[in-house]
């Protein structure tokens, strides 16, 4: 299932929050956004914001909070 399908499913069911795992594939040049390959998808999602207390690194496994299509990386799993 592609990430867009997951988001549509969440929206259709009126679920407000969901948690997913992902793999950081890139950071933007300004280091304000990351790209993440969300578990179960084949294409990385770009432009994901993250908490200021987290410093992302490529290859991190992150916890993602999804709220009606908005995605925030909460941090790296250890």
PDB file of N, CA and C in Angstrom:
ATOM      1  N   UNK A   1       0.850  -1.179   0.000  1.00  0.00           N
ATOM      2  CA  UNK A   1       0.000   0.000   0.000  1.00  0.00           C
ATOM      3  C   UNK A   1       0.897   1.244   0.000  1.00  0.00           C
ATOM      4  N   UNK A   2       0.617   2.176  -0.886  1.00  0.00           N
ATOM      5  CA  UNK A   2       1.383   3.419  -0.980  1.00  0.00           C
ATOM      6  C   UNK A   2       0.970   4.374   0.133  1.00  0.00           C
ATOM      7  N   UNK A   3       1.877   5.268   0.495  1.00  0.00           N
ATOM      8  CA  UNK A   3       1.614   6.200   1.586  1.00  0.00           C
ATOM      9  C   UNK A   3       0.379   7.055   1.308  1.00  0.00           C
ATOM     10  N   UNK A   4       0.217   7.510   0.079  1.00  0.00           N
ATOM     11  CA  UNK A   4      -0.953   8.324  -0.264  1.00  0.00           C
ATOM     12  C   UNK A   4      -2.238   7.546   0.011  1.00  0.00           C
ATOM     13  N   UNK A   5      -2.225   6.243  -0.255  1.00  0.00           N
ATOM     14  CA  UNK A   5      -3.396   5.402   0.018  1.00  0.00           C
ATOM     15  C   UNK A   5      -3.644   5.301   1.527  1.00  0.00           C
ATOM     16  N   UNK A   6      -2.561   5.222   2.294  1.00  0.00           N
ATOM     17  CA  UNK A   6      -2.697   5.162   3.749  1.00  0.00           C
ATOM     18  C   UNK A   6      -3.331   6.449   4.259  1.00  0.00           C
ATOM     19  N   UNK A   7      -2.841   7.591   3.757  1.00  0.00           N
ATOM     20  CA  UNK A   7      -3.375   8.888   4.176  1.00  0.00           C
ATOM     21  C   UNK A   7      -4.849   9.005   3.789  1.00  0.00           C
ATOM     22  N   UNK A   8      -5.201   8.580   2.568  1.00  0.00           N
ATOM     23  CA  UNK A   8      -6.604   8.621   2.139  1.00  0.00           C
ATOM     24  C   UNK A   8      -7.474   7.744   3.027  1.00  0.00           C
ATOM     25  N   UNK A   9      -6.971   6.577   3.378  1.00  0.00           N
ATOM     26  CA  UNK A   9      -7.718   5.675   4.247  1.00  0.00           C
ATOM     27  C   UNK A   9      -7.968   6.309   5.608  1.00  0.00           C
ATOM     28  N   UNK A  10      -6.947   6.933   6.147  1.00  0.00           N
ATOM     29  CA  UNK A  10      -7.091   7.613   7.439  1.00  0.00           C
ATOM     30  C   UNK A  10      -8.127   8.722   7.329  1.00  0.00           C
ATOM     31  N   UNK A  11      -8.042   9.533   6.285  1.00  0.00           N
ATOM     32  CA  UNK A  11      -8.975  10.648   6.101  1.00  0.00           C
ATOM     33  C   UNK A  11     -10.404  10.151   5.918  1.00  0.00           C
ATOM     34  N   UNK A  12     -10.584   9.083   5.145  1.00  0.00           N
ATOM     35  CA  UNK A  12     -11.921   8.544   4.893  1.00  0.00           C
ATOM     36  C   UNK A  12     -12.568   7.990   6.160  1.00  0.00           C
ATOM     37  N   UNK A  13     -11.749   7.523   7.085  1.00  0.00           N
ATOM     38  CA  UNK A  13     -12.277   6.951   8.314  1.00  0.00           C
ATOM     39  C   UNK A  13     -12.385   7.997   9.419  1.00  0.00           C
ATOM     40  N   UNK A  14     -12.071   9.246   9.109  1.00  0.00           N
ATOM     41  CA  UNK A  14     -12.082  10.333  10.083  1.00  0.00           C
ATOM     42  C   UNK A  14     -11.170  10.074  11.268  1.00  0.00           C
ATOM     43  N   UNK A  15     -10.161   9.233  11.086  1.00  0.00           N
ATOM     44  CA  UNK A  15      -9.151   9.053  12.123  1.00  0.00           C
ATOM     45  C   UNK A  15      -8.252  10.270  12.110  1.00  0.00           C
ATOM     46  N   UNK A  16      -8.043  10.841  13.254  1.00  0.00           N
ATOM     47  CA  UNK A  16      -7.243  12.058  13.312  1.00  0.00           C
ATOM     48  C   UNK A  16      -5.755  11.774  13.389  1.00  0.00           C
ATOM     49  N   UNK A  17      -5.359  10.770  14.115  1.00  0.00           N
ATOM     50  CA  UNK A  17      -3.934  10.529  14.315  1.00  0.00           C
ATOM     51  C   UNK A  17      -3.551   9.107  13.939  1.00  0.00           C
ATOM     52  N   UNK A  18      -2.352   8.977  13.399  1.00  0.00           N
ATOM     53  CA  UNK A  18      -1.795   7.663  13.113  1.00  0.00           C
ATOM     54  C   UNK A  18      -0.289   7.751  13.323  1.00  0.00           C
ATOM     55  N   UNK A  19       0.309   6.643  13.666  1.00  0.00           N
ATOM     56  CA  UNK A  19       1.755   6.585  13.844  1.00  0.00           C
ATOM     57  C   UNK A  19       2.311   5.580  12.840  1.00  0.00           C
ATOM     58  N   UNK A  20       3.379   5.985  12.151  1.00  0.00           N
ATOM     59  CA  UNK A  20       4.067   5.123  11.195  1.00  0.00           C
ATOM     60  C   UNK A  20       5.564   5.206  11.458  1.00  0.00           C
ATOM     61  N   UNK A  21       6.287   4.265  10.898  1.00  0.00           N
ATOM     62  CA  UNK A  21       7.741   4.289  10.960  1.00  0.00           C
ATOM     63  C   UNK A  21       8.272   4.611   9.578  1.00  0.00           C
ATOM     64  N   UNK A  22       9.457   5.193   9.533  1.00  0.00           N
ATOM     65  CA  UNK A  22      10.050   5.536   8.251  1.00  0.00           C
ATOM     66  C   UNK A  22      11.562   5.548   8.323  1.00  0.00           C
ATOM     67  N   UNK A  23      12.167   5.666   7.161  1.00  0.00           N
ATOM     68  CA  UNK A  23      13.620   5.655   6.986  1.00  0.00           C
ATOM     69  C   UNK A  23      14.009   6.973   6.326  1.00  0.00           C
ATOM     70  N   UNK A  24      14.852   7.759   6.994  1.00  0.00           N
ATOM     71  CA  UNK A  24      15.256   9.056   6.446  1.00  0.00           C
ATOM     72  C   UNK A  24      16.175   8.827   5.249  1.00  0.00           C
ATOM     73  N   UNK A  25      15.780   9.386   4.101  1.00  0.00           N
ATOM     74  CA  UNK A  25      16.570   9.211   2.877  1.00  0.00           C
ATOM     75  C   UNK A  25      17.370  10.449   2.502  1.00  0.00           C
ATOM     76  N   UNK A  26      16.950  11.632   3.011  1.00  0.00           N
ATOM     77  CA  UNK A  26      17.657  12.870   2.657  1.00  0.00           C
ATOM     78  C   UNK A  26      17.223  13.997   3.584  1.00  0.00           C
ATOM     79  N   UNK A  27      18.069  15.042   3.627  1.00  0.00           N
ATOM     80  CA  UNK A  27      17.746  16.294   4.302  1.00  0.00           C
ATOM     81  C   UNK A  27      17.823  17.403   3.271  1.00  0.00           C
ATOM     82  N   UNK A  28      17.039  18.460   3.469  1.00  0.00           N
ATOM     83  CA  UNK A  28      17.119  19.594   2.554  1.00  0.00           C
ATOM     84  C   UNK A  28      18.408  20.369   2.829  1.00  0.00           C
ATOM     85  N   UNK A  29      18.824  21.190   1.870  1.00  0.00           N
ATOM     86  CA  UNK A  29      20.040  21.990   2.043  1.00  0.00           C
ATOM     87  C   UNK A  29      19.950  22.915   3.246  1.00  0.00           C
ATOM     88  N   UNK A  30      18.756  23.402   3.532  1.00  0.00           N
ATOM     89  CA  UNK A  30      18.572  24.308   4.670  1.00  0.00           C
ATOM     90  C   UNK A  30      18.398  23.543   5.987  1.00  0.00           C
ATOM     91  N   UNK A  31      18.368  22.202   5.909  1.00  0.00           N
ATOM     92  CA  UNK A  31      18.208  21.334   7.080  1.00  0.00           C
ATOM     93  C   UNK A  31      16.924  21.606   7.865  1.00  0.00           C
ATOM     94  N   UNK A  32      15.860  21.996   7.166  1.00  0.00           N
ATOM     95  CA  UNK A  32      14.588  22.233   7.845  1.00  0.00           C
ATOM     96  C   UNK A  32      13.554  21.154   7.529  1.00  0.00           C
ATOM     97  N   UNK A  33      13.828  20.327   6.529  1.00  0.00           N
ATOM     98  CA  UNK A  33      12.897  19.265   6.123  1.00  0.00           C
ATOM     99  C   UNK A  33      13.688  18.008   5.791  1.00  0.00           C
ATOM    100  N   UNK A  34      12.986  16.891   5.855  1.00  0.00           N
ATOM    101  CA  UNK A  34      13.613  15.619   5.493  1.00  0.00           C
ATOM    102  C   UNK A  34      12.721  14.867   4.507  1.00  0.00           C
ATOM    103  N   UNK A  35      13.327  13.904   3.834  1.00  0.00           N
ATOM    104  CA  UNK A  35      12.592  12.968   2.994  1.00  0.00           C
ATOM    105  C   UNK A  35      12.602  11.629   3.714  1.00  0.00           C
ATOM    106  N   UNK A  36      11.457  10.961   3.710  1.00  0.00           N
ATOM    107  CA  UNK A  36      11.326   9.713   4.461  1.00  0.00           C
ATOM    108  C   UNK A  36      10.637   8.660   3.603  1.00  0.00           C
ATOM    109  N   UNK A  37      11.208   7.484   3.605  1.00  0.00           N
ATOM    110  CA  UNK A  37      10.575   6.321   2.993  1.00  0.00           C
ATOM    111  C   UNK A  37       9.720   5.689   4.082  1.00  0.00           C
ATOM    112  N   UNK A  38       8.421   5.868   3.985  1.00  0.00           N
ATOM    113  CA  UNK A  38       7.502   5.388   5.013  1.00  0.00           C
ATOM    114  C   UNK A  38       7.336   3.885   4.871  1.00  0.00           C
ATOM    115  N   UNK A  39       7.292   3.208   5.991  1.00  0.00           N
ATOM    116  CA  UNK A  39       7.146   1.759   6.011  1.00  0.00           C
ATOM    117  C   UNK A  39       5.979   1.320   5.136  1.00  0.00           C
ATOM    118  N   UNK A  40       6.248   0.390   4.241  1.00  0.00           N
ATOM    119  CA  UNK A  40       5.211  -0.145   3.366  1.00  0.00           C
ATOM    120  C   UNK A  40       5.050   0.602   2.060  1.00  0.00           C
ATOM    121  N   UNK A  41       5.894   1.614   1.804  1.00  0.00           N
ATOM    122  CA  UNK A  41       5.794   2.368   0.557  1.00  0.00           C
ATOM    123  C   UNK A  41       7.066   2.189  -0.263  1.00  0.00           C
ATOM    124  N   UNK A  42       6.994   2.583  -1.522  1.00  0.00           N
ATOM    125  CA  UNK A  42       8.139   2.434  -2.421  1.00  0.00           C
ATOM    126  C   UNK A  42       8.787   3.764  -2.775  1.00  0.00           C
ATOM    127  N   UNK A  43       8.143   4.866  -2.432  1.00  0.00           N
ATOM    128  CA  UNK A  43       8.645   6.195  -2.791  1.00  0.00           C
ATOM    129  C   UNK A  43       8.761   7.058  -1.544  1.00  0.00           C
ATOM    130  N   UNK A  44       9.875   7.760  -1.422  1.00  0.00           N
ATOM    131  CA  UNK A  44      10.077   8.639  -0.265  1.00  0.00           C
ATOM    132  C   UNK A  44       9.150   9.851  -0.340  1.00  0.00           C
ATOM    133  N   UNK A  45       8.667  10.281   0.800  1.00  0.00           N
ATOM    134  CA  UNK A  45       7.851  11.478   0.924  1.00  0.00           C
ATOM    135  C   UNK A  45       8.790  12.623   1.282  1.00  0.00           C
ATOM    136  N   UNK A  46       8.722  13.714   0.535  1.00  0.00           N
ATOM    137  CA  UNK A  46       9.623  14.843   0.768  1.00  0.00           C
ATOM    138  C   UNK A  46       8.930  15.935   1.575  1.00  0.00           C
ATOM    139  N   UNK A  47       9.729  16.823   2.144  1.00  0.00           N
ATOM    140  CA  UNK A  47       9.191  17.995   2.828  1.00  0.00           C
ATOM    141  C   UNK A  47       8.605  17.721   4.198  1.00  0.00           C
ATOM    142  N   UNK A  48       9.052  16.670   4.851  1.00  0.00           N
ATOM    143  CA  UNK A  48       8.531  16.341   6.176  1.00  0.00           C
ATOM    144  C   UNK A  48       9.272  17.157   7.232  1.00  0.00           C
ATOM    145  N   UNK A  49       8.501  17.788   8.102  1.00  0.00           N
ATOM    146  CA  UNK A  49       9.076  18.567   9.196  1.00  0.00           C
ATOM    147  C   UNK A  49       9.398  17.641  10.356  1.00  0.00           C
ATOM    148  N   UNK A  50      10.232  18.123  11.264  1.00  0.00           N
ATOM    149  CA  UNK A  50      10.609  17.322  12.425  1.00  0.00           C
ATOM    150  C   UNK A  50      10.717  18.214  13.652  1.00  0.00           C
ATOM    151  N   UNK A  51      10.662  17.606  14.828  1.00  0.00           N
ATOM    152  CA  UNK A  51      10.758  18.343  16.080  1.00  0.00           C
ATOM    153  C   UNK A  51      12.128  18.993  16.213  1.00  0.00           C
ATOM    154  N   UNK A  52      12.171  20.170  16.816  1.00  0.00           N
ATOM    155  CA  UNK A  52      13.435  20.897  16.944  1.00  0.00           C
ATOM    156  C   UNK A  52      14.432  20.162  17.841  1.00  0.00           C
ATOM    157  N   UNK A  53      13.959  19.291  18.697  1.00  0.00           N
ATOM    158  CA  UNK A  53      14.854  18.543  19.584  1.00  0.00           C
ATOM    159  C   UNK A  53      15.524  17.363  18.878  1.00  0.00           C
ATOM    160  N   UNK A  54      15.120  17.083  17.648  1.00  0.00           N
ATOM    161  CA  UNK A  54      15.658  15.954  16.879  1.00  0.00           C
ATOM    162  C   UNK A  54      16.554  16.478  15.768  1.00  0.00           C
ATOM    163  N   UNK A  55      17.747  15.925  15.660  1.00  0.00           N
ATOM    164  CA  UNK A  55      18.655  16.250  14.562  1.00  0.00           C
ATOM    165  C   UNK A  55      18.712  15.046  13.629  1.00  0.00           C
ATOM    166  N   UNK A  56      18.018  15.129  12.502  1.00  0.00           N
ATOM    167  CA  UNK A  56      17.935  13.957  11.615  1.00  0.00           C
ATOM    168  C   UNK A  56      19.243  13.673  10.884  1.00  0.00           C
ATOM    169  N   UNK A  57      19.446  12.400  10.658  1.00  0.00           N
ATOM    170  CA  UNK A  57      20.587  11.908   9.901  1.00  0.00           C
ATOM    171  C   UNK A  57      20.052  10.902   8.888  1.00  0.00           C
ATOM    172  N   UNK A  58      20.603  10.924   7.688  1.00  0.00           N
ATOM    173  CA  UNK A  58      20.207   9.935   6.676  1.00  0.00           C
ATOM    174  C   UNK A  58      20.430   8.541   7.260  1.00  0.00           C
ATOM    175  N   UNK A  59      19.470   7.678   7.061  1.00  0.00           N
ATOM    176  CA  UNK A  59      19.444   6.281   7.518  1.00  0.00           C
ATOM    177  C   UNK A  59      18.828   6.127   8.900  1.00  0.00           C
ATOM    178  N   UNK A  60      18.398   7.221   9.542  1.00  0.00           N
ATOM    179  CA  UNK A  60      17.665   7.100  10.802  1.00  0.00           C
ATOM    180  C   UNK A  60      16.342   6.385  10.560  1.00  0.00           C
ATOM    181  N   UNK A  61      15.918   5.607  11.520  1.00  0.00           N
ATOM    182  CA  UNK A  61      14.574   5.046  11.540  1.00  0.00           C
ATOM    183  C   UNK A  61      13.776   5.962  12.456  1.00  0.00           C
ATOM    184  N   UNK A  62      12.725   6.585  11.918  1.00  0.00           N
ATOM    185  CA  UNK A  62      11.986   7.594  12.669  1.00  0.00           C
ATOM    186  C   UNK A  62      10.543   7.182  12.927  1.00  0.00           C
ATOM    187  N   UNK A  63       9.990   7.764  13.978  1.00  0.00           N
ATOM    188  CA  UNK A  63       8.578   7.632  14.286  1.00  0.00           C
ATOM    189  C   UNK A  63       7.880   8.835  13.682  1.00  0.00           C
ATOM    190  N   UNK A  64       6.822   8.584  12.908  1.00  0.00           N
ATOM    191  CA  UNK A  64       6.093   9.653  12.227  1.00  0.00           C
ATOM    192  C   UNK A  64       4.689   9.767  12.797  1.00  0.00           C
ATOM    193  N   UNK A  65       4.272  10.983  13.060  1.00  0.00           N
ATOM    194  CA  UNK A  65       2.907  11.255  13.487  1.00  0.00           C
ATOM    195  C   UNK A  65       2.173  11.829  12.289  1.00  0.00           C
ATOM    196  N   UNK A  66       1.053  11.202  11.913  1.00  0.00           N
ATOM    197  CA  UNK A  66       0.260  11.647  10.767  1.00  0.00           C
ATOM    198  C   UNK A  66      -1.074  12.147  11.289  1.00  0.00           C
ATOM    199  N   UNK A  67      -1.418  13.379  10.929  1.00  0.00           N
ATOM    200  CA  UNK A  67      -2.686  13.976  11.321  1.00  0.00           C
ATOM    201  C   UNK A  67      -3.338  14.583  10.094  1.00  0.00           C
ATOM    202  N   UNK A  68      -4.309  13.878   9.528  1.00  0.00           N
ATOM    203  CA  UNK A  68      -5.026  14.341   8.342  1.00  0.00           C
ATOM    204  C   UNK A  68      -4.086  14.798   7.228  1.00  0.00           C
ATOM    205  N   UNK A  69      -3.053  14.047   6.956  1.00  0.00           N
ATOM    206  CA  UNK A  69      -2.146  14.368   5.860  1.00  0.00           C
ATOM    207  C   UNK A  69      -0.929  15.167   6.273  1.00  0.00           C
ATOM    208  N   UNK A  70      -0.941  15.804   7.443  1.00  0.00           N
ATOM    209  CA  UNK A  70       0.262  16.476   7.946  1.00  0.00           C
ATOM    210  C   UNK A  70       1.138  15.418   8.595  1.00  0.00           C
ATOM    211  N   UNK A  71       2.432  15.477   8.301  1.00  0.00           N
ATOM    212  CA  UNK A  71       3.356  14.482   8.820  1.00  0.00           C
ATOM    213  C   UNK A  71       4.467  15.190   9.585  1.00  0.00           C
ATOM    214  N   UNK A  72       4.754  14.682  10.793  1.00  0.00           N
ATOM    215  CA  UNK A  72       5.843  15.226  11.601  1.00  0.00           C
ATOM    216  C   UNK A  72       6.700  14.062  12.067  1.00  0.00           C
ATOM    217  N   UNK A  73       8.015  14.189  11.892  1.00  0.00           N
ATOM    218  CA  UNK A  73       8.942  13.197  12.413  1.00  0.00           C
ATOM    219  C   UNK A  73       9.214  13.530  13.879  1.00  0.00           C
ATOM    220  N   UNK A  74       8.954  12.571  14.745  1.00  0.00           N
ATOM    221  CA  UNK A  74       9.109  12.809  16.174  1.00  0.00           C
ATOM    222  C   UNK A  74      10.520  12.531  16.666  1.00  0.00           C
ATOM    223  N   UNK A  75      11.227  11.654  15.988  1.00  0.00           N
ATOM    224  CA  UNK A  75      12.592  11.364  16.396  1.00  0.00           C
ATOM    225  C   UNK A  75      13.049  10.004  15.927  1.00  0.00           C
ATOM    226  N   UNK A  76      14.291   9.717  16.231  1.00  0.00           N
ATOM    227  CA  UNK A  76      14.970   8.503  15.804  1.00  0.00           C
ATOM    228  C   UNK A  76      14.755   7.379  16.824  1.00  0.00           C
ATOM    229  N   UNK A  77      14.514   6.169  16.330  1.00  0.00           N
ATOM    230  CA  UNK A  77      14.469   4.994  17.212  1.00  0.00           C
ATOM    231  C   UNK A  77      15.896   4.531  17.465  1.00  0.00           C
ATOM    232  N   UNK A  78      16.149   4.081  18.669  1.00  0.00           N
ATOM    233  CA  UNK A  78      17.495   3.589  18.984  1.00  0.00           C
ATOM    234  C   UNK A  78      17.488   2.094  19.099  1.00  0.00           C
TER     235      UNK A  78
END
